[in-house]
N, C-alpha and C. Protein backbone atom coordinates (compact mmCIF):
# COMPACT_ATOMS: atom_id res chain seq x y z
N UNK A 1 63.18 104.31 42.07
CA UNK A 1 62.13 105.15 42.96
C UNK A 1 61.61 103.68 43.89
N UNK A 2 61.48 102.78 43.46
CA UNK A 2 59.93 101.77 44.10
C UNK A 2 61.20 101.60 45.67
N UNK A 3 61.59 101.78 46.08
CA UNK A 3 62.55 101.29 46.84
C UNK A 3 62.51 102.56 47.91
N UNK A 4 62.64 103.37 47.41
CA UNK A 4 62.78 104.51 48.35
C UNK A 4 61.14 105.02 49.05
N UNK A 5 60.09 104.42 47.91
CA UNK A 5 58.78 104.43 48.69
C UNK A 5 58.40 103.38 49.73
N UNK A 6 59.16 102.56 49.12
CA UNK A 6 59.23 101.42 50.13
C UNK A 6 59.93 101.65 51.75
N UNK A 7 60.80 102.45 51.57
CA UNK A 7 61.69 102.80 52.93
C UNK A 7 61.24 103.82 53.79
N UNK A 8 60.13 104.84 53.09
CA UNK A 8 59.37 105.53 52.95
C UNK A 8 58.08 105.13 53.86
N UNK A 9 57.41 104.06 53.63
CA UNK A 9 56.68 103.12 53.91
C UNK A 9 56.90 102.86 55.17
N UNK A 10 58.32 101.66 55.13
CA UNK A 10 58.44 101.34 56.06
C UNK A 10 58.60 102.02 57.64
N UNK A 11 59.55 103.10 57.24
CA UNK A 11 59.51 103.75 58.31
C UNK A 11 58.97 104.99 58.83
N UNK A 12 57.60 105.07 58.07
CA UNK A 12 56.38 105.62 58.79
C UNK A 12 55.36 104.46 59.96
N UNK A 13 55.63 103.19 59.23
CA UNK A 13 55.59 101.93 60.09
C UNK A 13 56.16 102.35 61.36
N UNK A 14 57.53 102.19 61.48
CA UNK A 14 58.05 101.97 62.60
C UNK A 14 57.32 103.54 63.42
N UNK A 15 57.65 104.25 63.15
CA UNK A 15 57.11 106.30 63.97
C UNK A 15 55.87 105.51 64.54
N UNK A 16 54.72 105.31 63.19
CA UNK A 16 53.52 105.19 64.18
C UNK A 16 53.84 103.78 65.01
N UNK A 17 53.95 102.70 65.03
CA UNK A 17 54.40 101.46 66.50
C UNK A 17 54.81 102.45 67.74
N UNK A 18 56.40 103.17 67.49
CA UNK A 18 56.93 103.77 68.30
C UNK A 18 55.78 104.76 69.21
N UNK A 19 54.86 105.60 68.21
CA UNK A 19 54.29 106.11 69.39
C UNK A 19 53.14 105.95 69.53
N UNK A 20 52.80 104.63 69.66
CA UNK A 20 51.67 104.18 70.17
C UNK A 20 52.14 103.22 71.12
N UNK A 21 53.61 102.69 71.06
CA UNK A 21 53.84 102.26 71.80
C UNK A 21 54.27 103.04 72.82
N UNK A 22 55.09 104.52 72.90
CA UNK A 22 54.99 105.29 73.48
C UNK A 22 53.46 105.64 74.63
N UNK A 23 52.90 106.16 73.49
CA UNK A 23 51.39 106.26 73.93
C UNK A 23 51.01 105.38 75.32
N UNK A 24 51.32 104.46 75.28
CA UNK A 24 50.58 103.01 76.40
C UNK A 24 51.84 103.33 77.30
N UNK A 25 52.84 102.78 76.52
CA UNK A 25 53.79 102.98 77.75
C UNK A 25 53.55 104.08 79.28
N UNK A 26 53.63 105.34 78.37
CA UNK A 26 52.94 106.39 79.29
C UNK A 26 52.10 107.10 80.28
N UNK A 27 50.88 106.52 79.52
CA UNK A 27 49.74 107.05 79.31
C UNK A 27 49.01 106.07 80.86
N UNK A 28 48.29 106.72 81.85
CA UNK A 28 47.96 107.06 82.79
C UNK A 28 47.36 105.91 83.63
N UNK A 29 47.55 105.29 84.38
CA UNK A 29 47.27 103.74 84.58
C UNK A 29 47.85 103.69 86.57
N UNK A 30 46.87 102.80 87.23
CA UNK A 30 46.42 102.43 88.41
C UNK A 30 47.39 101.71 89.31
N UNK A 31 47.84 102.14 90.54
CA UNK A 31 49.54 101.65 90.74
C UNK A 31 48.79 99.74 90.98
N UNK A 32 49.11 98.83 91.08
CA UNK A 32 49.01 97.71 91.53
C UNK A 32 48.68 97.95 92.85
N UNK A 33 48.20 97.57 93.46
CA UNK A 33 48.15 97.21 95.24
C UNK A 33 47.85 95.52 95.52
N UNK A 34 49.23 95.68 95.71
CA UNK A 34 49.49 94.09 95.91
C UNK A 34 48.76 93.23 97.41
N UNK A 35 48.15 94.77 97.88
CA UNK A 35 47.84 94.12 99.71
C UNK A 35 45.91 93.65 99.13
N UNK A 36 46.20 94.24 98.45
CA UNK A 36 44.67 93.00 97.50
C UNK A 36 44.31 91.73 97.69
N UNK A 37 45.40 91.11 97.75
CA UNK A 37 45.72 89.21 97.74
C UNK A 37 45.12 88.85 98.90
N UNK A 38 45.30 90.18 99.72
CA UNK A 38 44.88 89.49 101.80
C UNK A 38 43.51 89.52 101.76
N UNK A 39 42.48 90.46 100.75
CA UNK A 39 40.77 89.93 100.95
C UNK A 39 40.74 88.51 99.72
N UNK A 40 42.19 88.21 98.92
CA UNK A 40 41.02 87.95 98.55
C UNK A 40 40.52 86.10 98.67
N UNK A 41 39.57 85.56 98.24
CA UNK A 41 39.36 84.22 98.79
C UNK A 41 39.33 83.47 97.27
N UNK A 42 40.09 82.14 97.06
CA UNK A 42 39.62 81.37 96.14
C UNK A 42 38.64 80.21 95.89
N UNK A 43 37.40 80.53 96.99
CA UNK A 43 36.56 80.03 97.29
C UNK A 43 34.83 80.80 96.94
N UNK A 44 33.92 80.67 96.38
CA UNK A 44 33.01 80.96 95.61
C UNK A 44 32.68 81.64 97.27
N UNK A 45 31.62 82.52 96.87
CA UNK A 45 30.89 83.33 97.75
C UNK A 45 29.97 84.14 97.41
N UNK A 46 28.70 84.01 97.85
CA UNK A 46 26.94 83.82 97.27
C UNK A 46 26.41 85.27 98.79
N UNK A 47 25.82 85.81 97.98
CA UNK A 47 25.23 86.97 99.18
C UNK A 47 23.79 86.88 98.71
N UNK A 48 23.05 86.85 99.86
CA UNK A 48 21.07 87.03 99.46
C UNK A 48 20.64 87.85 100.08
N UNK A 49 19.46 87.97 99.96
CA UNK A 49 18.27 88.62 101.06
C UNK A 49 17.42 87.29 101.65
N UNK A 50 17.58 87.26 103.32
CA UNK A 50 16.92 85.95 103.81
C UNK A 50 15.88 86.70 104.01
N UNK A 51 15.46 87.23 105.07
CA UNK A 51 13.76 88.01 105.53
C UNK A 51 13.71 88.95 104.68
N UNK A 52 12.65 89.69 105.49
CA UNK A 52 12.58 90.88 105.15
C UNK A 52 10.82 91.44 105.31
N UNK A 53 10.14 92.08 106.40
CA UNK A 53 8.96 92.89 106.42
C UNK A 53 9.00 94.44 107.57
N UNK A 54 8.01 94.53 107.14
CA UNK A 54 7.66 95.79 108.27
C UNK A 54 6.35 95.56 108.81
N UNK A 55 6.38 95.70 110.14
CA UNK A 55 4.86 95.71 110.78
C UNK A 55 4.85 97.15 111.55
N UNK A 56 3.76 97.51 111.50
CA UNK A 56 3.22 98.64 112.17
C UNK A 56 2.39 98.53 113.31
N UNK A 57 1.72 99.76 114.12
CA UNK A 57 1.23 99.43 115.46
C UNK A 57 -0.24 98.46 115.47
N UNK A 58 -0.56 98.83 114.01
CA UNK A 58 -2.08 98.26 113.73
C UNK A 58 -1.69 95.94 114.00
N UNK A 59 -0.40 96.13 113.97
CA UNK A 59 -0.26 94.71 114.32
C UNK A 59 -0.04 94.20 115.40
N UNK A 60 0.13 95.07 116.68
CA UNK A 60 0.16 94.75 117.80
C UNK A 60 -0.75 95.44 118.36
N UNK A 61 -1.84 95.65 118.44
CA UNK A 61 -2.81 96.31 118.44
C UNK A 61 -4.32 95.65 118.71
N UNK A 62 -5.18 95.20 119.60
CA UNK A 62 -6.26 94.39 118.82
C UNK A 62 -7.63 95.95 118.94
N UNK A 63 -8.00 95.83 118.30
CA UNK A 63 -8.91 96.76 118.14
C UNK A 63 -9.98 96.53 119.08
N UNK A 64 -10.62 95.10 118.81
CA UNK A 64 -11.94 95.14 119.56
C UNK A 64 -11.74 94.99 121.31
N UNK A 65 -10.56 95.04 122.00
CA UNK A 65 -10.41 95.17 123.46
C UNK A 65 -9.64 96.28 123.60
N UNK A 66 -9.38 96.94 122.64
CA UNK A 66 -8.11 98.36 122.91
C UNK A 66 -7.26 97.70 123.96
N UNK A 67 -6.39 97.11 123.20
CA UNK A 67 -5.41 96.39 124.27
C UNK A 67 -4.12 95.94 123.86
N UNK A 68 -3.07 96.02 123.59
CA UNK A 68 -1.62 95.56 122.68
C UNK A 68 -1.85 93.98 123.02
N UNK A 69 -1.01 93.59 121.81
CA UNK A 69 -0.97 92.07 121.49
C UNK A 69 -0.28 91.69 122.02
N UNK A 70 0.34 90.85 123.12
CA UNK A 70 2.04 91.39 123.68
C UNK A 70 2.05 89.62 123.79
N UNK A 71 1.22 88.47 123.11
CA UNK A 71 2.09 87.28 122.57
C UNK A 71 2.63 87.29 121.61
N UNK A 72 3.42 86.49 121.73
CA UNK A 72 4.20 86.01 119.34
C UNK A 72 3.35 86.25 118.67
N UNK A 73 4.14 87.45 118.02
CA UNK A 73 3.91 86.98 115.61
C UNK A 73 4.88 86.07 115.40
N UNK A 74 4.59 85.28 115.16
CA UNK A 74 4.78 84.41 114.61
C UNK A 74 4.60 84.37 112.74
N UNK A 75 5.56 83.93 111.77
CA UNK A 75 5.38 83.97 110.73
C UNK A 75 6.51 82.97 110.04
N UNK A 76 5.99 81.86 109.62
CA UNK A 76 6.99 80.83 108.59
C UNK A 76 7.32 81.25 107.48
N UNK A 77 8.74 81.23 106.80
CA UNK A 77 9.27 81.27 105.41
C UNK A 77 9.68 80.19 104.72
N UNK A 78 9.62 80.03 103.50
CA UNK A 78 10.40 78.86 102.79
C UNK A 78 11.94 79.35 102.72
N UNK A 79 12.80 78.54 103.06
CA UNK A 79 14.14 79.13 103.13
C UNK A 79 14.31 77.81 101.89
N UNK A 80 14.94 78.43 100.34
CA UNK A 80 15.41 77.44 99.50
C UNK A 80 16.74 77.44 99.30
N UNK A 81 17.51 78.43 99.81
CA UNK A 81 19.00 78.47 99.14
C UNK A 81 19.97 76.98 99.00
N UNK A 82 18.94 76.13 99.73
CA UNK A 82 19.73 75.09 100.54
C UNK A 82 19.76 73.20 98.85
N UNK A 83 18.22 74.43 98.57
CA UNK A 83 17.21 73.80 97.77
C UNK A 83 18.29 73.06 96.83
N UNK A 84 19.81 74.32 96.48
CA UNK A 84 20.21 73.69 95.33
C UNK A 84 21.72 72.82 96.20
N UNK A 85 21.96 71.32 95.51
CA UNK A 85 22.60 70.45 95.78
C UNK A 85 23.93 70.39 95.29
N UNK A 86 24.56 71.98 94.42
CA UNK A 86 26.13 72.43 94.89
C UNK A 86 26.54 73.01 95.95
N UNK A 87 25.44 73.92 96.42
CA UNK A 87 25.61 74.65 97.40
C UNK A 87 25.80 73.92 98.75
N UNK A 88 24.67 72.85 98.71
CA UNK A 88 24.54 72.13 100.53
C UNK A 88 25.61 70.57 100.04
N UNK A 89 26.25 70.40 99.11
CA UNK A 89 27.88 69.95 99.17
C UNK A 89 28.38 70.14 99.65
N UNK A 90 28.47 71.77 98.70
CA UNK A 90 29.72 72.28 99.00
C UNK A 90 29.95 73.28 100.33
N UNK A 91 29.02 73.89 100.91
CA UNK A 91 28.89 74.83 102.02
C UNK A 91 29.68 74.72 102.69
N UNK A 92 30.99 75.93 103.39
CA UNK A 92 31.45 75.39 104.51
C UNK A 92 31.21 76.66 105.74
N UNK A 93 30.16 77.68 105.95
CA UNK A 93 29.93 78.02 106.79
C UNK A 93 29.10 79.22 106.24
N UNK A 94 27.82 79.56 107.20
CA UNK A 94 27.10 81.10 106.49
C UNK A 94 27.33 81.88 107.22
N UNK A 95 27.29 82.87 107.19
CA UNK A 95 27.29 84.22 108.35
C UNK A 95 26.08 85.25 107.79
N UNK A 96 25.06 85.45 108.51
CA UNK A 96 23.79 85.88 108.71
C UNK A 96 23.98 87.15 109.02
N UNK A 97 23.22 88.14 108.41
CA UNK A 97 23.37 89.83 109.36
C UNK A 97 22.02 90.11 108.97
N UNK A 98 21.73 90.52 110.41
CA UNK A 98 20.12 91.45 110.76
C UNK A 98 20.22 92.57 111.05
N UNK A 99 19.38 93.95 110.73
CA UNK A 99 19.28 94.79 111.06
C UNK A 99 17.74 95.56 111.45
N UNK A 100 17.47 95.81 112.32
CA UNK A 100 15.96 96.07 112.82
C UNK A 100 16.02 97.55 113.46
N UNK A 101 15.07 98.48 112.82
CA UNK A 101 14.46 99.35 113.85
C UNK A 101 13.37 99.51 114.10
N UNK A 102 13.38 99.92 115.53
CA UNK A 102 12.87 100.18 116.79
C UNK A 102 11.78 101.32 116.81
N UNK A 103 10.84 101.77 116.02
CA UNK A 103 10.28 102.98 116.40
C UNK A 103 9.02 102.99 117.37
N UNK A 104 9.51 101.88 118.04
CA UNK A 104 8.26 102.28 119.03
C UNK A 104 8.80 102.48 120.27
N UNK A 105 7.94 102.94 121.17
CA UNK A 105 8.15 102.56 122.40
C UNK A 105 8.60 101.94 123.64
N UNK A 106 8.66 100.89 123.23
CA UNK A 106 8.81 99.47 123.79
C UNK A 106 9.81 98.46 123.11
N UNK A 107 9.92 97.63 124.01
CA UNK A 107 11.24 96.53 123.97
C UNK A 107 10.35 95.37 123.37
N UNK A 108 11.10 94.61 121.67
CA UNK A 108 10.52 93.45 121.44
C UNK A 108 11.88 92.61 121.86
N UNK A 109 11.53 91.25 121.78
CA UNK A 109 11.94 89.88 121.36
C UNK A 109 11.91 89.48 119.95
N UNK A 110 12.95 88.95 118.84
CA UNK A 110 12.76 88.17 118.94
C UNK A 110 13.49 87.07 117.94
N UNK A 111 12.94 85.95 117.57
CA UNK A 111 13.55 84.33 117.79
C UNK A 111 13.24 84.23 116.72
N UNK A 112 14.89 83.58 116.17
CA UNK A 112 14.56 83.08 114.68
C UNK A 112 15.08 81.24 114.63
N UNK A 113 14.63 80.88 114.14
CA UNK A 113 14.74 79.67 114.00
C UNK A 113 14.11 78.90 112.63
N UNK A 114 15.64 77.38 112.25
CA UNK A 114 15.53 77.35 110.87
C UNK A 114 14.83 76.00 111.23
N UNK A 115 14.23 75.74 110.38
CA UNK A 115 13.56 74.20 110.46
C UNK A 115 13.59 73.12 109.23
N UNK A 116 13.56 72.10 109.89
CA UNK A 116 13.52 71.10 108.57
C UNK A 116 12.18 70.56 107.87
N UNK A 117 11.50 70.13 106.75
CA UNK A 117 10.71 69.70 106.17
C UNK A 117 9.59 69.15 107.28
N UNK A 118 9.85 68.97 108.40
CA UNK A 118 8.94 68.78 109.87
C UNK A 118 8.84 69.28 110.34
N UNK A 119 9.70 71.11 110.22
CA UNK A 119 8.96 71.81 111.57
C UNK A 119 10.35 71.28 112.67
N UNK A 120 11.53 70.41 112.33
CA UNK A 120 12.36 70.25 112.78
C UNK A 120 13.54 71.38 113.56
N UNK A 121 13.77 71.89 114.37
CA UNK A 121 14.65 72.84 114.69
C UNK A 121 16.18 72.31 114.23
N UNK A 122 16.51 72.89 112.93
CA UNK A 122 17.64 72.37 112.80
C UNK A 122 19.45 73.78 112.91
N UNK A 123 18.49 74.54 113.20
CA UNK A 123 19.39 75.98 114.20
C UNK A 123 18.80 76.94 114.50
N UNK A 124 19.21 77.60 115.88
CA UNK A 124 17.90 78.49 116.52
C UNK A 124 19.70 79.17 116.78
N UNK A 125 19.28 80.62 117.07
CA UNK A 125 19.96 81.78 117.84
C UNK A 125 19.27 82.03 119.43
N UNK A 126 20.08 82.65 120.28
CA UNK A 126 19.45 82.99 120.98
C UNK A 126 19.08 84.48 120.88
N UNK A 127 17.98 84.44 121.15
CA UNK A 127 16.83 85.92 121.29
C UNK A 127 17.40 86.79 121.04
N UNK A 128 16.90 87.55 120.29
CA UNK A 128 17.04 88.98 120.10
C UNK A 128 16.50 89.90 120.44
N UNK A 129 16.78 90.71 121.53
CA UNK A 129 16.01 92.10 122.51
C UNK A 129 16.83 93.51 121.84
N UNK A 130 15.59 94.17 121.01
CA UNK A 130 15.96 95.28 120.69
C UNK A 130 15.38 96.16 121.72
N UNK A 131 16.25 96.76 121.66
CA UNK A 131 15.35 98.36 122.81
C UNK A 131 14.98 99.36 122.30
N UNK A 132 13.53 99.91 123.32
CA UNK A 132 12.88 100.88 122.10
C UNK A 132 13.60 101.65 121.47
N UNK A 133 12.92 102.22 120.84
CA UNK A 133 13.29 103.55 120.07
C UNK A 133 14.64 102.97 119.36
N UNK A 134 15.24 101.90 118.82
CA UNK A 134 16.61 101.71 118.29
C UNK A 134 16.30 101.40 116.94
N UNK A 135 16.66 102.49 116.56
CA UNK A 135 16.75 102.45 115.12
C UNK A 135 17.85 102.12 113.61
N UNK A 136 18.97 101.32 114.89
CA UNK A 136 19.60 100.59 114.24
C UNK A 136 20.44 99.87 114.95
N UNK A 137 19.44 98.41 115.41
CA UNK A 137 20.07 97.80 115.75
C UNK A 137 20.78 96.14 114.91
N UNK A 138 21.82 96.00 115.35
CA UNK A 138 22.45 94.67 114.33
C UNK A 138 23.05 93.96 114.63
N UNK A 139 23.33 93.09 114.39
CA UNK A 139 23.53 91.90 114.55
C UNK A 139 24.26 90.82 113.34
N UNK A 140 25.36 90.08 113.90
CA UNK A 140 26.11 88.88 112.79
C UNK A 140 25.27 87.69 113.51
N UNK A 141 24.89 87.04 112.83
CA UNK A 141 25.41 85.24 113.46
C UNK A 141 26.60 84.54 112.32
N UNK A 142 26.97 83.68 112.36
CA UNK A 142 27.56 82.51 111.97
C UNK A 142 27.79 81.38 111.87
N UNK A 143 27.36 80.25 111.06
CA UNK A 143 27.08 78.96 111.05
C UNK A 143 28.49 78.44 110.78
N UNK A 144 28.77 77.77 111.35
CA UNK A 144 30.12 76.86 110.86
C UNK A 144 29.73 75.16 110.18
N UNK A 145 28.98 74.73 109.27
CA UNK A 145 28.97 73.67 108.91
C UNK A 145 29.51 72.19 109.28
N UNK A 146 30.92 72.52 109.67
CA UNK A 146 30.99 71.71 110.21
C UNK A 146 31.46 71.02 111.28
N UNK A 147 30.50 72.06 112.39
CA UNK A 147 29.94 71.93 113.51
C UNK A 147 28.10 71.47 113.48
N UNK A 148 27.57 71.72 112.31
CA UNK A 148 26.72 71.70 112.70
C UNK A 148 25.36 71.16 111.26
N UNK A 149 26.15 69.90 110.53
CA UNK A 149 25.70 68.91 109.43
C UNK A 149 24.11 69.35 108.98
N UNK A 150 23.10 70.00 110.43
CA UNK A 150 21.75 69.12 109.94
C UNK A 150 21.03 70.53 109.80
N UNK A 151 22.32 71.74 109.13
CA UNK A 151 21.51 73.01 109.35
C UNK A 151 21.57 72.79 107.16
N UNK A 152 21.80 71.70 107.21
CA UNK A 152 22.24 71.49 105.69
C UNK A 152 20.14 71.08 105.40
N UNK A 153 19.54 70.72 105.78
CA UNK A 153 18.38 69.97 105.77
C UNK A 153 17.43 71.35 106.00
N UNK A 154 17.96 72.30 106.15
CA UNK A 154 17.00 73.49 105.91
C UNK A 154 16.28 73.74 105.26
N UNK A 155 14.29 73.88 105.47
CA UNK A 155 13.83 74.30 104.44
C UNK A 155 13.09 75.53 104.31
N UNK A 156 13.10 75.58 105.87
CA UNK A 156 11.91 77.09 107.04
C UNK A 156 13.01 77.73 107.27
N UNK A 157 12.14 79.05 107.37
CA UNK A 157 12.64 80.32 108.53
C UNK A 157 11.66 80.26 109.49
N UNK A 158 11.36 79.87 110.58
CA UNK A 158 10.43 80.70 111.46
C UNK A 158 10.86 82.25 112.46
N UNK A 159 10.09 82.95 112.59
CA UNK A 159 10.46 83.99 113.05
C UNK A 159 9.05 84.61 113.99
N UNK A 160 9.57 84.77 115.27
CA UNK A 160 8.38 84.73 116.12
C UNK A 160 8.83 86.35 116.78
N UNK A 161 8.06 87.29 116.77
CA UNK A 161 8.14 88.78 118.12
C UNK A 161 7.02 88.91 118.54
N UNK A 162 8.10 89.07 119.78
CA UNK A 162 6.55 89.88 120.68
C UNK A 162 7.04 90.89 121.37
N UNK A 163 6.39 91.58 121.35
CA UNK A 163 6.71 92.78 122.02
C UNK A 163 6.41 93.18 123.72
N UNK A 164 6.88 93.90 124.39
CA UNK A 164 6.99 93.82 125.83
C UNK A 164 5.95 95.14 126.16
N UNK A 165 4.82 94.73 127.89
CA UNK A 165 4.48 95.70 127.80
C UNK A 165 5.21 97.12 127.69
N UNK A 166 3.67 98.38 128.23
CA UNK A 166 4.71 99.29 127.92
C UNK A 166 5.18 99.34 129.60
N UNK A 167 6.31 100.25 129.90
CA UNK A 167 6.60 100.32 131.46
C UNK A 167 5.76 100.85 132.56
N UNK A 168 4.64 101.90 131.73
CA UNK A 168 3.56 102.95 132.75
C UNK A 168 2.39 102.29 132.23
N UNK A 169 1.74 101.06 131.91
CA UNK A 169 0.67 100.42 131.66
C UNK A 169 -0.01 100.58 130.47
N UNK A 170 0.35 101.49 130.34
CA UNK A 170 -0.15 102.23 128.53
C UNK A 170 -0.57 101.08 127.61
N UNK A 171 -1.47 101.39 126.75
CA UNK A 171 -1.35 101.00 125.64
C UNK A 171 -0.73 101.80 124.58
N UNK A 172 -0.72 100.86 123.25
CA UNK A 172 -0.40 101.56 121.60
C UNK A 172 -1.51 102.41 121.47
N UNK A 173 -1.00 103.42 121.31
CA UNK A 173 -2.16 104.41 119.85
C UNK A 173 -2.47 104.00 118.35
N UNK A 174 -3.94 102.97 118.48
CA UNK A 174 -3.45 102.55 116.94
C UNK A 174 -3.54 103.51 116.07
N UNK A 175 -4.22 105.06 116.19
CA UNK A 175 -3.38 106.09 115.07
C UNK A 175 -1.74 106.75 114.63
N UNK A 176 -1.19 106.22 115.92
CA UNK A 176 0.06 107.06 116.06
C UNK A 176 1.10 106.04 115.22
N UNK A 177 1.69 106.22 114.04
CA UNK A 177 2.15 105.23 113.12
C UNK A 177 3.06 105.14 113.60
N UNK A 178 3.88 103.69 113.70
CA UNK A 178 5.35 103.62 114.36
C UNK A 178 5.53 102.36 113.54
N UNK A 179 7.07 102.02 113.42
CA UNK A 179 6.87 100.69 112.43
C UNK A 179 8.12 100.09 113.16
N UNK A 180 8.14 98.96 112.83
CA UNK A 180 9.20 97.61 113.07
C UNK A 180 10.03 96.66 112.23
N UNK A 181 10.58 97.29 111.55
CA UNK A 181 11.37 96.95 110.09
C UNK A 181 12.34 95.65 110.78
N UNK A 182 12.56 94.78 109.84
CA UNK A 182 13.50 93.91 109.75
C UNK A 182 14.14 93.46 108.76
N UNK A 183 15.56 93.30 108.34
CA UNK A 183 15.64 92.53 107.28
C UNK A 183 17.10 92.12 107.53
N UNK A 184 17.06 90.61 106.65
CA UNK A 184 18.32 90.11 107.06
C UNK A 184 19.00 89.23 105.62
N UNK A 185 20.01 88.88 105.70
CA UNK A 185 20.77 88.71 104.74
C UNK A 185 21.93 87.53 104.85
N UNK A 186 22.43 86.52 104.12
CA UNK A 186 22.99 85.27 103.79
C UNK A 186 23.88 85.48 103.08
N UNK A 187 25.44 85.30 103.71
CA UNK A 187 26.47 85.14 102.66
C UNK A 187 26.96 83.48 103.03
N UNK A 188 26.98 83.29 101.47
CA UNK A 188 27.05 81.74 101.80
C UNK A 188 28.83 81.64 101.60
N UNK A 189 29.60 80.85 102.17
CA UNK A 189 30.75 80.84 101.83
C UNK A 189 30.92 78.96 101.02
N UNK A 190 31.46 79.00 100.60
CA UNK A 190 31.59 77.20 99.64
C UNK A 190 33.13 77.13 99.01
N UNK A 191 33.34 75.98 99.12
CA UNK A 191 34.42 75.31 99.08
C UNK A 191 34.81 75.27 97.29
N UNK A 192 36.01 75.09 96.67
CA UNK A 192 35.86 74.76 95.28
C UNK A 192 36.26 73.38 95.09
């Protein structure tokens, strides 16, 4: 009798194993997409927000003189990404994405400079010209490090924005809410 019980247990194990195997082999699985290899990069890629701000009509209007401010408004921010020695040593290129939303009926010119610790320019772009009422201005810029090693000493970003005068000579209405939104992100491609 002992051997009969042993055979029943052995058969039960085999049946359970076969059921598990059958379940695994016929269960739903996603087909392999070998075309995904085309988008594979063995090098690390990091994306981060760089700078963003929102300005309104009060930033471009002088309440004392009741006139528009038509000279450049400038801001300098810290650029800390390159403080990391691993990134600095292994950086291949940077892709920068910019997006602006202009709710004003005026054109804006935006200048962007990367600066070293002494405010010397390490990289600059052709100024961005944003048309009046352009809610979807975008631009992509690429910096190849092999062509611009000086960029690696960047410590700051200087952004300068200048509003154009109105075509009919009118000034901004300080009570009418308008916004200029700026967003930027950087994708950093590193070698392994």
